[in-house]
């Protein structure tokens, strides 16, 4: 898993919450975070303010409150979206 960040001790693709957000944000030198979600955008509900939004990339912010969310590229579905926490910023 060379270069994917899986062995850096800071989480991995099966992490939860902030740990997953940080992992996806940094994976492969940051090249994953802005890529379109494979299979199409995901309908999401902000885990900070409960506002609905569309998650088009693997790391996305709620347009209502700025809450940062991520989903791992290996299993991108709405059930796997994780929230970085109310104090997490990009």
C-alpha atoms as a PDB file:
ATOM      1  CA  UNK A   1       0.000   0.000   0.000  1.00  0.00           C
ATOM      2  CA  UNK A   2       2.860   2.277  -0.747  1.00  0.00           C
ATOM      3  CA  UNK A   3       1.974   5.949  -0.987  1.00  0.00           C
ATOM      4  CA  UNK A   4      -1.646   5.648   0.158  1.00  0.00           C
ATOM      5  CA  UNK A   5      -1.047   6.769   3.737  1.00  0.00           C
ATOM      6  CA  UNK A   6      -2.378   3.488   5.136  1.00  0.00           C
ATOM      7  CA  UNK A   7       0.740   2.810   7.168  1.00  0.00           C
ATOM      8  CA  UNK A   8       1.335   6.243   8.677  1.00  0.00           C
ATOM      9  CA  UNK A   9      -0.443   5.414  11.940  1.00  0.00           C
ATOM     10  CA  UNK A  10      -3.164   8.029  11.471  1.00  0.00           C
ATOM     11  CA  UNK A  11      -6.099   5.914  10.482  1.00  0.00           C
ATOM     12  CA  UNK A  12      -7.050   4.292   7.258  1.00  0.00           C
ATOM     13  CA  UNK A  13      -9.947   3.741   4.888  1.00  0.00           C
ATOM     14  CA  UNK A  14     -12.009   1.983   7.590  1.00  0.00           C
ATOM     15  CA  UNK A  15     -11.594   4.736  10.193  1.00  0.00           C
ATOM     16  CA  UNK A  16     -14.520   6.645  11.621  1.00  0.00           C
ATOM     17  CA  UNK A  17     -15.223  10.341  12.185  1.00  0.00           C
ATOM     18  CA  UNK A  18     -12.409  12.857  12.095  1.00  0.00           C
ATOM     19  CA  UNK A  19      -9.831  10.125  11.605  1.00  0.00           C
ATOM     20  CA  UNK A  20     -11.393   9.115   8.272  1.00  0.00           C
ATOM     21  CA  UNK A  21     -11.792  12.739   7.164  1.00  0.00           C
ATOM     22  CA  UNK A  22      -8.103  13.394   7.860  1.00  0.00           C
ATOM     23  CA  UNK A  23      -7.110  10.145   6.117  1.00  0.00           C
ATOM     24  CA  UNK A  24      -9.090  10.826   2.925  1.00  0.00           C
ATOM     25  CA  UNK A  25      -7.988  14.473   2.892  1.00  0.00           C
ATOM     26  CA  UNK A  26      -4.312  13.446   2.949  1.00  0.00           C
ATOM     27  CA  UNK A  27      -4.413  10.139   1.026  1.00  0.00           C
ATOM     28  CA  UNK A  28      -2.176   9.910  -2.010  1.00  0.00           C
ATOM     29  CA  UNK A  29      -0.694  13.342  -1.359  1.00  0.00           C
ATOM     30  CA  UNK A  30      -4.121  14.977  -1.269  1.00  0.00           C
ATOM     31  CA  UNK A  31      -5.090  13.927  -4.793  1.00  0.00           C
ATOM     32  CA  UNK A  32      -8.160  11.943  -3.692  1.00  0.00           C
ATOM     33  CA  UNK A  33     -10.031  14.641  -1.785  1.00  0.00           C
ATOM     34  CA  UNK A  34     -11.153  16.667  -4.811  1.00  0.00           C
ATOM     35  CA  UNK A  35     -11.928  13.767  -7.143  1.00  0.00           C
ATOM     36  CA  UNK A  36     -15.572  13.124  -8.062  1.00  0.00           C
ATOM     37  CA  UNK A  37     -17.159  10.293  -6.072  1.00  0.00           C
ATOM     38  CA  UNK A  38     -17.115   7.150  -8.218  1.00  0.00           C
ATOM     39  CA  UNK A  39     -20.621   6.104  -9.131  1.00  0.00           C
ATOM     40  CA  UNK A  40     -21.904   9.655  -8.824  1.00  0.00           C
ATOM     41  CA  UNK A  41     -22.604  12.257  -6.182  1.00  0.00           C
ATOM     42  CA  UNK A  42     -24.064  11.184  -2.846  1.00  0.00           C
ATOM     43  CA  UNK A  43     -27.113  12.642  -1.133  1.00  0.00           C
ATOM     44  CA  UNK A  44     -25.880  13.547   2.343  1.00  0.00           C
ATOM     45  CA  UNK A  45     -27.208  15.048   5.541  1.00  0.00           C
ATOM     46  CA  UNK A  46     -24.776  17.209   7.495  1.00  0.00           C
ATOM     47  CA  UNK A  47     -23.889  15.525  10.741  1.00  0.00           C
ATOM     48  CA  UNK A  48     -23.284  18.952  12.274  1.00  0.00           C
ATOM     49  CA  UNK A  49     -26.463  20.862  11.417  1.00  0.00           C
ATOM     50  CA  UNK A  50     -28.714  18.242   9.744  1.00  0.00           C
ATOM     51  CA  UNK A  51     -28.963  20.200   6.480  1.00  0.00           C
ATOM     52  CA  UNK A  52     -29.163  18.118   3.291  1.00  0.00           C
ATOM     53  CA  UNK A  53     -26.407  18.589   0.722  1.00  0.00           C
ATOM     54  CA  UNK A  54     -24.864  16.779  -2.226  1.00  0.00           C
ATOM     55  CA  UNK A  55     -21.427  15.269  -1.771  1.00  0.00           C
ATOM     56  CA  UNK A  56     -19.762  15.409  -5.189  1.00  0.00           C
ATOM     57  CA  UNK A  57     -16.163  14.780  -4.075  1.00  0.00           C
ATOM     58  CA  UNK A  58     -14.598  12.457  -1.479  1.00  0.00           C
ATOM     59  CA  UNK A  59     -14.173  15.382   0.928  1.00  0.00           C
ATOM     60  CA  UNK A  60     -16.946  17.977   1.002  1.00  0.00           C
ATOM     61  CA  UNK A  61     -18.253  20.793   3.161  1.00  0.00           C
ATOM     62  CA  UNK A  62     -21.840  21.424   4.132  1.00  0.00           C
ATOM     63  CA  UNK A  63     -22.893  24.649   2.378  1.00  0.00           C
ATOM     64  CA  UNK A  64     -25.005  25.594   5.407  1.00  0.00           C
ATOM     65  CA  UNK A  65     -22.517  25.324   8.290  1.00  0.00           C
ATOM     66  CA  UNK A  66     -19.194  24.403   6.657  1.00  0.00           C
ATOM     67  CA  UNK A  67     -19.040  20.990   8.355  1.00  0.00           C
ATOM     68  CA  UNK A  68     -16.418  18.782   6.697  1.00  0.00           C
ATOM     69  CA  UNK A  69     -17.432  15.275   5.632  1.00  0.00           C
ATOM     70  CA  UNK A  70     -15.584  12.483   3.825  1.00  0.00           C
ATOM     71  CA  UNK A  71     -16.200   9.076   2.372  1.00  0.00           C
ATOM     72  CA  UNK A  72     -13.540   6.490   1.552  1.00  0.00           C
ATOM     73  CA  UNK A  73     -13.072   5.839  -2.185  1.00  0.00           C
ATOM     74  CA  UNK A  74     -13.171   2.081  -1.654  1.00  0.00           C
ATOM     75  CA  UNK A  75     -16.790   2.130  -0.449  1.00  0.00           C
ATOM     76  CA  UNK A  76     -18.467   5.414  -1.415  1.00  0.00           C
ATOM     77  CA  UNK A  77     -22.048   5.244  -0.293  1.00  0.00           C
ATOM     78  CA  UNK A  78     -24.135   7.550   1.885  1.00  0.00           C
ATOM     79  CA  UNK A  79     -24.030   5.157   4.862  1.00  0.00           C
ATOM     80  CA  UNK A  80     -20.231   5.503   5.017  1.00  0.00           C
ATOM     81  CA  UNK A  81     -20.012   9.305   5.095  1.00  0.00           C
ATOM     82  CA  UNK A  82     -18.085  10.466   8.156  1.00  0.00           C
ATOM     83  CA  UNK A  83     -18.034  13.892   9.858  1.00  0.00           C
ATOM     84  CA  UNK A  84     -14.868  15.657  10.973  1.00  0.00           C
ATOM     85  CA  UNK A  85     -16.546  17.276  13.982  1.00  0.00           C
ATOM     86  CA  UNK A  86     -17.904  20.757  14.593  1.00  0.00           C
ATOM     87  CA  UNK A  87     -14.425  22.191  15.175  1.00  0.00           C
ATOM     88  CA  UNK A  88     -12.792  20.577  12.111  1.00  0.00           C
ATOM     89  CA  UNK A  89     -11.793  22.978   9.338  1.00  0.00           C
ATOM     90  CA  UNK A  90      -9.946  22.594   6.078  1.00  0.00           C
END
